[in-house]
Protein backbone atom coordinates (compact mmCIF):
# COMPACT_ATOMS: atom_id res chain seq x y z
CA MET A 1 0.00 0.00 0.00
CA ARG A 2 2.83 2.37 0.84
CA HIS A 3 4.39 1.78 -2.61
CA ILE A 4 1.12 2.65 -4.34
CA ALA A 5 0.76 5.91 -2.40
CA LEU A 6 4.35 6.83 -3.21
CA ALA A 7 3.84 6.08 -6.92
CA VAL A 8 0.67 8.19 -7.03
CA ALA A 9 2.39 11.09 -5.24
CA LEU A 10 5.34 10.89 -7.63
CA THR A 11 3.05 10.85 -10.67
CA LEU A 12 1.05 13.83 -9.42
CA SER A 13 4.13 15.88 -8.59
CA THR A 14 5.65 15.16 -12.01
CA ALA A 15 2.42 16.15 -13.76
CA LEU A 16 2.32 19.44 -11.85
CA VAL A 17 5.99 20.34 -12.19
CA ALA A 18 6.56 19.37 -15.86
CA PRO A 19 4.53 22.26 -17.36
CA VAL A 20 6.31 24.74 -15.09
CA ILE A 21 9.69 23.41 -16.14
CA ALA A 22 8.69 23.52 -19.79
CA GLN A 23 7.61 27.15 -19.44
CA THR A 24 10.70 28.28 -17.61
CA THR A 25 13.24 26.53 -19.83
CA THR A 26 12.13 28.13 -23.08
CA THR A 27 14.48 30.95 -23.96
CA THR A 28 14.67 33.46 -26.70
CA PRO A 29 17.69 33.19 -28.96
CA PRO A 30 20.49 35.52 -27.95
CA THR A 31 20.91 38.64 -30.03
CA THR A 32 24.22 39.13 -31.72
CA THR A 33 24.79 42.78 -31.05
CA THR A 34 28.18 44.20 -30.46
CA ALA A 35 29.10 47.03 -28.19
CA PRO A 36 28.56 50.35 -29.90
CA SER A 37 31.66 52.13 -31.11
CA PRO A 38 32.58 55.53 -29.67
CA PHE A 39 31.50 57.05 -33.00
CA TRP A 40 27.97 55.68 -32.59
CA GLU A 41 27.84 56.70 -28.94
CA LYS A 42 28.49 60.26 -30.10
CA MET A 43 25.88 59.81 -32.84
CA LYS A 44 23.28 58.88 -30.25
CA GLY A 45 24.17 61.88 -28.13
CA SER A 46 23.92 64.35 -31.00
CA TRP A 47 21.29 62.53 -33.06
CA SER A 48 19.13 65.61 -33.63
CA GLN A 49 22.07 67.35 -35.34
CA THR A 50 23.41 64.25 -37.10
CA LYS A 51 20.18 62.95 -38.60
CA GLY A 52 20.35 65.74 -41.19
CA ALA A 53 23.57 64.24 -42.53
CA VAL A 54 21.99 60.78 -42.51
CA LYS A 55 18.95 62.03 -44.39
CA GLU A 56 21.20 63.83 -46.87
CA GLN A 57 23.17 60.62 -47.48
CA TRP A 58 20.10 58.37 -47.71
CA GLY A 59 17.15 60.43 -48.92
CA LYS A 60 14.73 57.50 -48.96
CA LEU A 61 14.77 57.30 -45.17
CA THR A 62 11.65 58.88 -43.71
CA ASP A 63 11.38 61.01 -40.59
CA ASP A 64 9.77 58.00 -38.88
CA ASP A 65 12.77 55.88 -39.87
CA LEU A 66 15.10 58.45 -38.34
CA LEU A 67 13.04 58.48 -35.14
CA GLN A 68 13.34 54.70 -34.91
CA ILE A 69 17.07 54.67 -35.66
CA GLU A 70 17.97 57.19 -32.92
CA GLY A 71 21.70 56.90 -33.61
CA ARG A 72 21.86 53.10 -33.50
CA ARG A 73 24.05 51.62 -36.20
CA ASP A 74 22.22 48.28 -36.43
CA GLN A 75 18.90 50.08 -36.87
CA LEU A 76 20.37 52.22 -39.65
CA VAL A 77 21.70 49.16 -41.47
CA GLY A 78 18.30 47.47 -41.23
CA LYS A 79 16.43 50.53 -42.51
CA LEU A 80 18.84 50.87 -45.42
CA GLN A 81 18.20 47.25 -46.37
CA THR A 82 14.45 47.83 -46.27
CA ARG A 83 14.28 51.21 -48.05
CA TYR A 84 16.88 50.52 -50.71
CA GLY A 85 16.38 46.77 -51.21
CA ILE A 86 20.07 46.02 -50.69
CA THR A 87 21.88 43.21 -48.92
CA ARG A 88 23.08 43.52 -45.36
CA GLU A 89 26.67 43.50 -46.60
CA GLU A 90 26.00 46.43 -48.94
CA ALA A 91 24.23 48.36 -46.16
CA GLU A 92 27.17 47.67 -43.82
CA ARG A 93 29.57 48.91 -46.52
CA GLN A 94 27.61 52.13 -46.99
CA VAL A 95 27.41 52.78 -43.26
CA GLY A 96 31.16 52.12 -42.98
CA ALA A 97 31.81 54.71 -45.69
CA PHE A 98 29.51 57.14 -43.84
CA GLU A 99 31.49 56.58 -40.65
CA LYS A 100 34.76 57.38 -42.40
CA THR A 101 33.28 60.55 -43.89
CA TYR A 102 31.68 61.86 -40.70
CA ARG A 103 34.21 60.88 -38.04
CA MET A 104 33.89 63.28 -35.14
């Protein structure tokens, strides 16, 4: 009788704990962002002045795009891909050229 009670208790505890474990062990994939460079830290700090240069360089970016970018390099690369229909590598190349031109 004692073995039956132990088996039932074990079964019930496993049934109650398993969904909790399943919920807590699911994780979102890690993002692969790198630490922002000093250039982009300055860009964030002076974004209101710098976004004019960005808009001049890439005229297809809208004011809403510029609000979303807020001086973040990865956001700029993504918006360039979307607006210009270019590959990530090409967007990265263009942003790299922009960095060289506008070094502060």
